[in-house]
Amino acid sequence: MSDALQFVCQLCLAAMFVAGLLTLFRLLIGPRAADRAVAMDLLTSVFIGIICVLCMMWDETWYFDAVWILTLVGFIGSAAIARYIEKGKVF
């Protein structure tokens, strides 16, 4: 990996870490359930991005399976929370 790409990956990790902290703050103080649901969905996306950047830095592909699983779990969780907020029940 070139030095420029290494620098950009570290910069991206720092930016995603800050975004994750801000999202965690919104998750904790969100006044409504919808705010917390959106924050949880964004936190899942930030975590997926961090895993992808780390895979690039480490030159590994093992963790991409974890990314697929986390993406599916995040989507299903967000859909379940949205349905619960809308109708008051999941099923």
PDB file of N, CA and C in Angstrom:
ATOM      1  N   MET A   1       0.841  -1.158   0.000  1.00  0.00           N
ATOM      2  CA  MET A   1       0.000   0.000   0.000  1.00  0.00           C
ATOM      3  C   MET A   1       0.900   1.239   0.000  1.00  0.00           C
ATOM      4  N   SER A   2       0.571   2.183  -0.840  1.00  0.00           N
ATOM      5  CA  SER A   2       1.387   3.394  -0.940  1.00  0.00           C
ATOM      6  C   SER A   2       1.177   4.285   0.281  1.00  0.00           C
ATOM      7  N   ASP A   3       2.109   5.188   0.463  1.00  0.00           N
ATOM      8  CA  ASP A   3       2.022   6.093   1.610  1.00  0.00           C
ATOM      9  C   ASP A   3       0.811   7.015   1.514  1.00  0.00           C
ATOM     10  N   ALA A   4       0.487   7.450   0.306  1.00  0.00           N
ATOM     11  CA  ALA A   4      -0.667   8.335   0.122  1.00  0.00           C
ATOM     12  C   ALA A   4      -1.965   7.611   0.475  1.00  0.00           C
ATOM     13  N   LEU A   5      -2.099   6.363   0.028  1.00  0.00           N
ATOM     14  CA  LEU A   5      -3.301   5.593   0.334  1.00  0.00           C
ATOM     15  C   LEU A   5      -3.383   5.288   1.830  1.00  0.00           C
ATOM     16  N   GLN A   6      -2.242   5.018   2.440  1.00  0.00           N
ATOM     17  CA  GLN A   6      -2.204   4.788   3.886  1.00  0.00           C
ATOM     18  C   GLN A   6      -2.685   6.038   4.642  1.00  0.00           C
ATOM     19  N   PHE A   7      -2.236   7.194   4.203  1.00  0.00           N
ATOM     20  CA  PHE A   7      -2.650   8.454   4.832  1.00  0.00           C
ATOM     21  C   PHE A   7      -4.145   8.691   4.674  1.00  0.00           C
ATOM     22  N   VAL A   8      -4.654   8.445   3.474  1.00  0.00           N
ATOM     23  CA  VAL A   8      -6.086   8.650   3.218  1.00  0.00           C
ATOM     24  C   VAL A   8      -6.921   7.674   4.052  1.00  0.00           C
ATOM     25  N   CYS A   9      -6.463   6.426   4.172  1.00  0.00           N
ATOM     26  CA  CYS A   9      -7.192   5.454   4.989  1.00  0.00           C
ATOM     27  C   CYS A   9      -7.210   5.876   6.455  1.00  0.00           C
ATOM     28  N   GLN A  10      -6.096   6.375   6.960  1.00  0.00           N
ATOM     29  CA  GLN A  10      -6.057   6.836   8.345  1.00  0.00           C
ATOM     30  C   GLN A  10      -6.946   8.060   8.537  1.00  0.00           C
ATOM     31  N   LEU A  11      -6.969   8.932   7.561  1.00  0.00           N
ATOM     32  CA  LEU A  11      -7.846  10.104   7.623  1.00  0.00           C
ATOM     33  C   LEU A  11      -9.315   9.683   7.621  1.00  0.00           C
ATOM     34  N   CYS A  12      -9.647   8.710   6.788  1.00  0.00           N
ATOM     35  CA  CYS A  12     -11.024   8.204   6.745  1.00  0.00           C
ATOM     36  C   CYS A  12     -11.408   7.540   8.063  1.00  0.00           C
ATOM     37  N   LEU A  13     -10.491   6.781   8.654  1.00  0.00           N
ATOM     38  CA  LEU A  13     -10.777   6.157   9.940  1.00  0.00           C
ATOM     39  C   LEU A  13     -11.031   7.203  11.017  1.00  0.00           C
ATOM     40  N   ALA A  14     -10.226   8.262  11.026  1.00  0.00           N
ATOM     41  CA  ALA A  14     -10.413   9.322  12.013  1.00  0.00           C
ATOM     42  C   ALA A  14     -11.766  10.009  11.815  1.00  0.00           C
ATOM     43  N   ALA A  15     -12.132  10.289  10.564  1.00  0.00           N
ATOM     44  CA  ALA A  15     -13.411  10.941  10.281  1.00  0.00           C
ATOM     45  C   ALA A  15     -14.585  10.044  10.669  1.00  0.00           C
ATOM     46  N   MET A  16     -14.482   8.746  10.387  1.00  0.00           N
ATOM     47  CA  MET A  16     -15.566   7.837  10.746  1.00  0.00           C
ATOM     48  C   MET A  16     -15.656   7.640  12.260  1.00  0.00           C
ATOM     49  N   PHE A  17     -14.518   7.686  12.946  1.00  0.00           N
ATOM     50  CA  PHE A  17     -14.540   7.593  14.396  1.00  0.00           C
ATOM     51  C   PHE A  17     -15.264   8.798  15.000  1.00  0.00           C
ATOM     52  N   VAL A  18     -14.976   9.992  14.484  1.00  0.00           N
ATOM     53  CA  VAL A  18     -15.665  11.196  14.956  1.00  0.00           C
ATOM     54  C   VAL A  18     -17.161  11.107  14.634  1.00  0.00           C
ATOM     55  N   ALA A  19     -17.488  10.649  13.435  1.00  0.00           N
ATOM     56  CA  ALA A  19     -18.905  10.499  13.069  1.00  0.00           C
ATOM     57  C   ALA A  19     -19.592   9.490  13.980  1.00  0.00           C
ATOM     58  N   GLY A  20     -18.892   8.417  14.328  1.00  0.00           N
ATOM     59  CA  GLY A  20     -19.455   7.428  15.235  1.00  0.00           C
ATOM     60  C   GLY A  20     -19.697   7.997  16.625  1.00  0.00           C
ATOM     61  N   LEU A  21     -18.770   8.811  17.112  1.00  0.00           N
ATOM     62  CA  LEU A  21     -18.966   9.431  18.426  1.00  0.00           C
ATOM     63  C   LEU A  21     -20.148  10.395  18.426  1.00  0.00           C
ATOM     64  N   LEU A  22     -20.266  11.204  17.370  1.00  0.00           N
ATOM     65  CA  LEU A  22     -21.396  12.122  17.282  1.00  0.00           C
ATOM     66  C   LEU A  22     -22.724  11.369  17.160  1.00  0.00           C
ATOM     67  N   THR A  23     -22.706  10.276  16.427  1.00  0.00           N
ATOM     68  CA  THR A  23     -23.908   9.469  16.278  1.00  0.00           C
ATOM     69  C   THR A  23     -24.272   8.797  17.594  1.00  0.00           C
ATOM     70  N   LEU A  24     -23.266   8.339  18.328  1.00  0.00           N
ATOM     71  CA  LEU A  24     -23.522   7.746  19.633  1.00  0.00           C
ATOM     72  C   LEU A  24     -24.123   8.775  20.591  1.00  0.00           C
ATOM     73  N   PHE A  25     -23.656  10.008  20.497  1.00  0.00           N
ATOM     74  CA  PHE A  25     -24.232  11.089  21.296  1.00  0.00           C
ATOM     75  C   PHE A  25     -25.705  11.277  20.956  1.00  0.00           C
ATOM     76  N   ARG A  26     -26.049  11.265  19.670  1.00  0.00           N
ATOM     77  CA  ARG A  26     -27.449  11.416  19.252  1.00  0.00           C
ATOM     78  C   ARG A  26     -28.267  10.214  19.699  1.00  0.00           C
ATOM     79  N   LEU A  27     -27.664   9.040  19.683  1.00  0.00           N
ATOM     80  CA  LEU A  27     -28.362   7.833  20.117  1.00  0.00           C
ATOM     81  C   LEU A  27     -28.718   7.921  21.598  1.00  0.00           C
ATOM     82  N   LEU A  28     -27.832   8.487  22.385  1.00  0.00           N
ATOM     83  CA  LEU A  28     -28.069   8.562  23.822  1.00  0.00           C
ATOM     84  C   LEU A  28     -29.044   9.669  24.207  1.00  0.00           C
ATOM     85  N   ILE A  29     -29.017  10.820  23.521  1.00  0.00           N
ATOM     86  CA  ILE A  29     -29.873  11.932  23.936  1.00  0.00           C
ATOM     87  C   ILE A  29     -31.072  12.168  23.030  1.00  0.00           C
ATOM     88  N   GLY A  30     -31.220  11.350  22.001  1.00  0.00           N
ATOM     89  CA  GLY A  30     -32.318  11.577  21.064  1.00  0.00           C
ATOM     90  C   GLY A  30     -33.647  11.674  21.771  1.00  0.00           C
ATOM     91  N   PRO A  31     -34.403  12.746  21.539  1.00  0.00           N
ATOM     92  CA  PRO A  31     -35.642  12.915  22.303  1.00  0.00           C
ATOM     93  C   PRO A  31     -36.750  11.953  21.875  1.00  0.00           C
ATOM     94  N   ARG A  32     -36.715  11.494  20.644  1.00  0.00           N
ATOM     95  CA  ARG A  32     -37.774  10.599  20.168  1.00  0.00           C
ATOM     96  C   ARG A  32     -37.178   9.257  19.758  1.00  0.00           C
ATOM     97  N   ALA A  33     -38.032   8.273  19.639  1.00  0.00           N
ATOM     98  CA  ALA A  33     -37.588   6.940  19.233  1.00  0.00           C
ATOM     99  C   ALA A  33     -37.102   6.941  17.785  1.00  0.00           C
ATOM    100  N   ALA A  34     -37.696   7.772  16.945  1.00  0.00           N
ATOM    101  CA  ALA A  34     -37.268   7.844  15.543  1.00  0.00           C
ATOM    102  C   ALA A  34     -35.838   8.368  15.434  1.00  0.00           C
ATOM    103  N   ASP A  35     -35.467   9.335  16.285  1.00  0.00           N
ATOM    104  CA  ASP A  35     -34.097   9.843  16.284  1.00  0.00           C
ATOM    105  C   ASP A  35     -33.109   8.744  16.671  1.00  0.00           C
ATOM    106  N   ARG A  36     -33.494   7.972  17.655  1.00  0.00           N
ATOM    107  CA  ARG A  36     -32.625   6.884  18.087  1.00  0.00           C
ATOM    108  C   ARG A  36     -32.518   5.793  17.020  1.00  0.00           C
ATOM    109  N   ALA A  37     -33.603   5.533  16.313  1.00  0.00           N
ATOM    110  CA  ALA A  37     -33.578   4.515  15.260  1.00  0.00           C
ATOM    111  C   ALA A  37     -32.665   4.938  14.110  1.00  0.00           C
ATOM    112  N   VAL A  38     -32.752   6.194  13.712  1.00  0.00           N
ATOM    113  CA  VAL A  38     -31.893   6.697  12.638  1.00  0.00           C
ATOM    114  C   VAL A  38     -30.430   6.693  13.083  1.00  0.00           C
ATOM    115  N   ALA A  39     -30.179   7.055  14.340  1.00  0.00           N
ATOM    116  CA  ALA A  39     -28.819   7.045  14.860  1.00  0.00           C
ATOM    117  C   ALA A  39     -28.253   5.629  14.895  1.00  0.00           C
ATOM    118  N   MET A  40     -29.072   4.662  15.257  1.00  0.00           N
ATOM    119  CA  MET A  40     -28.599   3.273  15.280  1.00  0.00           C
ATOM    120  C   MET A  40     -28.277   2.781  13.874  1.00  0.00           C
ATOM    121  N   ASP A  41     -29.095   3.157  12.909  1.00  0.00           N
ATOM    122  CA  ASP A  41     -28.837   2.779  11.522  1.00  0.00           C
ATOM    123  C   ASP A  41     -27.542   3.425  11.026  1.00  0.00           C
ATOM    124  N   LEU A  42     -27.331   4.686  11.350  1.00  0.00           N
ATOM    125  CA  LEU A  42     -26.110   5.375  10.936  1.00  0.00           C
ATOM    126  C   LEU A  42     -24.890   4.801  11.644  1.00  0.00           C
ATOM    127  N   LEU A  43     -25.025   4.433  12.906  1.00  0.00           N
ATOM    128  CA  LEU A  43     -23.907   3.838  13.634  1.00  0.00           C
ATOM    129  C   LEU A  43     -23.512   2.501  13.020  1.00  0.00           C
ATOM    130  N   THR A  44     -24.490   1.735  12.569  1.00  0.00           N
ATOM    131  CA  THR A  44     -24.197   0.486  11.871  1.00  0.00           C
ATOM    132  C   THR A  44     -23.444   0.764  10.571  1.00  0.00           C
ATOM    133  N   SER A  45     -23.854   1.773   9.838  1.00  0.00           N
ATOM    134  CA  SER A  45     -23.178   2.119   8.585  1.00  0.00           C
ATOM    135  C   SER A  45     -21.753   2.609   8.827  1.00  0.00           C
ATOM    136  N   VAL A  46     -21.557   3.380   9.876  1.00  0.00           N
ATOM    137  CA  VAL A  46     -20.210   3.854  10.210  1.00  0.00           C
ATOM    138  C   VAL A  46     -19.316   2.675  10.576  1.00  0.00           C
ATOM    139  N   PHE A  47     -19.856   1.743  11.352  1.00  0.00           N
ATOM    140  CA  PHE A  47     -19.078   0.564  11.737  1.00  0.00           C
ATOM    141  C   PHE A  47     -18.715  -0.281  10.518  1.00  0.00           C
ATOM    142  N   ILE A  48     -19.632  -0.396   9.572  1.00  0.00           N
ATOM    143  CA  ILE A  48     -19.356  -1.126   8.332  1.00  0.00           C
ATOM    144  C   ILE A  48     -18.240  -0.429   7.550  1.00  0.00           C
ATOM    145  N   GLY A  49     -18.289   0.894   7.477  1.00  0.00           N
ATOM    146  CA  GLY A  49     -17.236   1.643   6.801  1.00  0.00           C
ATOM    147  C   GLY A  49     -15.885   1.463   7.456  1.00  0.00           C
ATOM    148  N   ILE A  50     -15.851   1.454   8.783  1.00  0.00           N
ATOM    149  CA  ILE A  50     -14.592   1.245   9.498  1.00  0.00           C
ATOM    150  C   ILE A  50     -14.019  -0.132   9.187  1.00  0.00           C
ATOM    151  N   ILE A  51     -14.862  -1.147   9.168  1.00  0.00           N
ATOM    152  CA  ILE A  51     -14.396  -2.499   8.847  1.00  0.00           C
ATOM    153  C   ILE A  51     -13.843  -2.547   7.426  1.00  0.00           C
ATOM    154  N   CYS A  52     -14.515  -1.904   6.481  1.00  0.00           N
ATOM    155  CA  CYS A  52     -14.046  -1.914   5.087  1.00  0.00           C
ATOM    156  C   CYS A  52     -12.691  -1.210   4.939  1.00  0.00           C
ATOM    157  N   VAL A  53     -12.524  -0.076   5.601  1.00  0.00           N
ATOM    158  CA  VAL A  53     -11.244   0.641   5.522  1.00  0.00           C
ATOM    159  C   VAL A  53     -10.134  -0.169   6.177  1.00  0.00           C
ATOM    160  N   LEU A  54     -10.437  -0.810   7.296  1.00  0.00           N
ATOM    161  CA  LEU A  54      -9.432  -1.649   7.937  1.00  0.00           C
ATOM    162  C   LEU A  54      -9.058  -2.839   7.061  1.00  0.00           C
ATOM    163  N   CYS A  55     -10.022  -3.385   6.334  1.00  0.00           N
ATOM    164  CA  CYS A  55      -9.718  -4.472   5.394  1.00  0.00           C
ATOM    165  C   CYS A  55      -8.768  -4.000   4.298  1.00  0.00           C
ATOM    166  N   MET A  56      -8.963  -2.773   3.843  1.00  0.00           N
ATOM    167  CA  MET A  56      -8.047  -2.222   2.831  1.00  0.00           C
ATOM    168  C   MET A  56      -6.650  -2.031   3.408  1.00  0.00           C
ATOM    169  N   MET A  57      -6.585  -1.522   4.636  1.00  0.00           N
ATOM    170  CA  MET A  57      -5.281  -1.257   5.242  1.00  0.00           C
ATOM    171  C   MET A  57      -4.524  -2.549   5.547  1.00  0.00           C
ATOM    172  N   TRP A  58      -5.231  -3.569   5.989  1.00  0.00           N
ATOM    173  CA  TRP A  58      -4.590  -4.826   6.352  1.00  0.00           C
ATOM    174  C   TRP A  58      -4.437  -5.780   5.175  1.00  0.00           C
ATOM    175  N   ASP A  59      -4.995  -5.415   4.015  1.00  0.00           N
ATOM    176  CA  ASP A  59      -4.968  -6.251   2.810  1.00  0.00           C
ATOM    177  C   ASP A  59      -5.560  -7.637   3.084  1.00  0.00           C
ATOM    178  N   GLU A  60      -6.716  -7.632   3.724  1.00  0.00           N
ATOM    179  CA  GLU A  60      -7.431  -8.853   4.077  1.00  0.00           C
ATOM    180  C   GLU A  60      -8.819  -8.834   3.451  1.00  0.00           C
ATOM    181  N   THR A  61      -9.362 -10.003   3.184  1.00  0.00           N
ATOM    182  CA  THR A  61     -10.728 -10.093   2.679  1.00  0.00           C
ATOM    183  C   THR A  61     -11.625 -10.910   3.601  1.00  0.00           C
ATOM    184  N   TRP A  62     -11.088 -11.410   4.684  1.00  0.00           N
ATOM    185  CA  TRP A  62     -11.856 -12.246   5.603  1.00  0.00           C
ATOM    186  C   TRP A  62     -13.027 -11.501   6.215  1.00  0.00           C
ATOM    187  N   TYR A  63     -12.857 -10.244   6.489  1.00  0.00           N
ATOM    188  CA  TYR A  63     -13.862  -9.503   7.232  1.00  0.00           C
ATOM    189  C   TYR A  63     -15.007  -9.002   6.359  1.00  0.00           C
ATOM    190  N   PHE A  64     -14.915  -9.158   5.052  1.00  0.00           N
ATOM    191  CA  PHE A  64     -16.006  -8.720   4.191  1.00  0.00           C
ATOM    192  C   PHE A  64     -17.264  -9.563   4.419  1.00  0.00           C
ATOM    193  N   ASP A  65     -17.103 -10.815   4.857  1.00  0.00           N
ATOM    194  CA  ASP A  65     -18.273 -11.620   5.211  1.00  0.00           C
ATOM    195  C   ASP A  65     -18.996 -11.015   6.402  1.00  0.00           C
ATOM    196  N   ALA A  66     -18.232 -10.505   7.364  1.00  0.00           N
ATOM    197  CA  ALA A  66     -18.838  -9.844   8.522  1.00  0.00           C
ATOM    198  C   ALA A  66     -19.572  -8.582   8.082  1.00  0.00           C
ATOM    199  N   VAL A  67     -19.058  -7.907   7.076  1.00  0.00           N
ATOM    200  CA  VAL A  67     -19.719  -6.705   6.559  1.00  0.00           C
ATOM    201  C   VAL A  67     -21.078  -7.057   5.969  1.00  0.00           C
ATOM    202  N   TRP A  68     -21.155  -8.133   5.201  1.00  0.00           N
ATOM    203  CA  TRP A  68     -22.441  -8.544   4.627  1.00  0.00           C
ATOM    204  C   TRP A  68     -23.441  -8.872   5.716  1.00  0.00           C
ATOM    205  N   ILE A  69     -23.003  -9.619   6.727  1.00  0.00           N
ATOM    206  CA  ILE A  69     -23.906 -10.014   7.807  1.00  0.00           C
ATOM    207  C   ILE A  69     -24.367  -8.785   8.587  1.00  0.00           C
ATOM    208  N   LEU A  70     -23.440  -7.885   8.899  1.00  0.00           N
ATOM    209  CA  LEU A  70     -23.802  -6.683   9.647  1.00  0.00           C
ATOM    210  C   LEU A  70     -24.736  -5.784   8.838  1.00  0.00           C
ATOM    211  N   THR A  71     -24.555  -5.739   7.532  1.00  0.00           N
ATOM    212  CA  THR A  71     -25.458  -4.958   6.682  1.00  0.00           C
ATOM    213  C   THR A  71     -26.872  -5.518   6.725  1.00  0.00           C
ATOM    214  N   LEU A  72     -26.996  -6.827   6.624  1.00  0.00           N
ATOM    215  CA  LEU A  72     -28.329  -7.443   6.673  1.00  0.00           C
ATOM    216  C   LEU A  72     -28.992  -7.260   8.035  1.00  0.00           C
ATOM    217  N   VAL A  73     -28.232  -7.461   9.102  1.00  0.00           N
ATOM    218  CA  VAL A  73     -28.792  -7.296  10.439  1.00  0.00           C
ATOM    219  C   VAL A  73     -29.210  -5.842  10.673  1.00  0.00           C
ATOM    220  N   GLY A  74     -28.390  -4.905  10.214  1.00  0.00           N
ATOM    221  CA  GLY A  74     -28.731  -3.487  10.361  1.00  0.00           C
ATOM    222  C   GLY A  74     -29.985  -3.120   9.606  1.00  0.00           C
ATOM    223  N   PHE A  75     -30.123  -3.631   8.393  1.00  0.00           N
ATOM    224  CA  PHE A  75     -31.317  -3.336   7.600  1.00  0.00           C
ATOM    225  C   PHE A  75     -32.567  -3.932   8.233  1.00  0.00           C
ATOM    226  N   ILE A  76     -32.495  -5.177   8.644  1.00  0.00           N
ATOM    227  CA  ILE A  76     -33.659  -5.822   9.247  1.00  0.00           C
ATOM    228  C   ILE A  76     -34.033  -5.134  10.557  1.00  0.00           C
ATOM    229  N   GLY A  77     -33.030  -4.757  11.340  1.00  0.00           N
ATOM    230  CA  GLY A  77     -33.299  -4.045  12.584  1.00  0.00           C
ATOM    231  C   GLY A  77     -33.944  -2.700  12.342  1.00  0.00           C
ATOM    232  N   SER A  78     -33.456  -1.965  11.356  1.00  0.00           N
ATOM    233  CA  SER A  78     -34.047  -0.658  11.041  1.00  0.00           C
ATOM    234  C   SER A  78     -35.479  -0.799  10.540  1.00  0.00           C
ATOM    235  N   ALA A  79     -35.721  -1.803   9.711  1.00  0.00           N
ATOM    236  CA  ALA A  79     -37.079  -2.024   9.218  1.00  0.00           C
ATOM    237  C   ALA A  79     -38.019  -2.415  10.358  1.00  0.00           C
ATOM    238  N   ALA A  80     -37.536  -3.231  11.293  1.00  0.00           N
ATOM    239  CA  ALA A  80     -38.379  -3.634  12.422  1.00  0.00           C
ATOM    240  C   ALA A  80     -38.680  -2.447  13.331  1.00  0.00           C
ATOM    241  N   ILE A  81     -37.688  -1.619  13.584  1.00  0.00           N
ATOM    242  CA  ILE A  81     -37.911  -0.442  14.434  1.00  0.00           C
ATOM    243  C   ILE A  81     -38.884   0.530  13.760  1.00  0.00           C
ATOM    244  N   ALA A  82     -38.716   0.738  12.457  1.00  0.00           N
ATOM    245  CA  ALA A  82     -39.617   1.645  11.739  1.00  0.00           C
ATOM    246  C   ALA A  82     -41.049   1.125  11.767  1.00  0.00           C
ATOM    247  N   ARG A  83     -41.213  -0.160  11.599  1.00  0.00           N
ATOM    248  CA  ARG A  83     -42.559  -0.722  11.629  1.00  0.00           C
ATOM    249  C   ARG A  83     -43.177  -0.621  13.026  1.00  0.00           C
ATOM    250  N   TYR A  84     -42.342  -0.823  14.047  1.00  0.00           N
ATOM    251  CA  TYR A  84     -42.837  -0.708  15.414  1.00  0.00           C
ATOM    252  C   TYR A  84     -43.261   0.726  15.731  1.00  0.00           C
ATOM    253  N   ILE A  85     -42.461   1.686  15.267  1.00  0.00           N
ATOM    254  CA  ILE A  85     -42.812   3.093  15.499  1.00  0.00           C
ATOM    255  C   ILE A  85     -44.105   3.450  14.772  1.00  0.00           C
ATOM    256  N   GLU A  86     -44.267   2.927  13.579  1.00  0.00           N
ATOM    257  CA  GLU A  86     -45.447   3.277  12.778  1.00  0.00           C
ATOM    258  C   GLU A  86     -46.730   2.624  13.300  1.00  0.00           C
ATOM    259  N   LYS A  87     -46.667   1.304  13.561  1.00  0.00           N
ATOM    260  CA  LYS A  87     -47.894   0.572  13.884  1.00  0.00           C
ATOM    261  C   LYS A  87     -47.991   0.130  15.340  1.00  0.00           C
ATOM    262  N   GLY A  88     -46.920   0.225  16.082  1.00  0.00           N
ATOM    263  CA  GLY A  88     -46.978  -0.201  17.476  1.00  0.00           C
ATOM    264  C   GLY A  88     -46.700  -1.682  17.674  1.00  0.00           C
ATOM    265  N   LYS A  89     -46.485  -2.417  16.598  1.00  0.00           N
ATOM    266  CA  LYS A  89     -46.141  -3.838  16.677  1.00  0.00           C
ATOM    267  C   LYS A  89     -45.263  -4.183  15.490  1.00  0.00           C
ATOM    268  N   VAL A  90     -44.487  -5.244  15.633  1.00  0.00           N
ATOM    269  CA  VAL A  90     -43.575  -5.637  14.558  1.00  0.00           C
ATOM    270  C   VAL A  90     -44.255  -6.575  13.577  1.00  0.00           C
ATOM    271  N   PHE A  91     -45.036  -7.522  14.083  1.00  0.00           N
ATOM    272  CA  PHE A  91     -45.674  -8.513  13.200  1.00  0.00           C
ATOM    273  C   PHE A  91     -47.136  -8.238  13.036  1.00  0.00           C
TER     274      PHE A  91
END
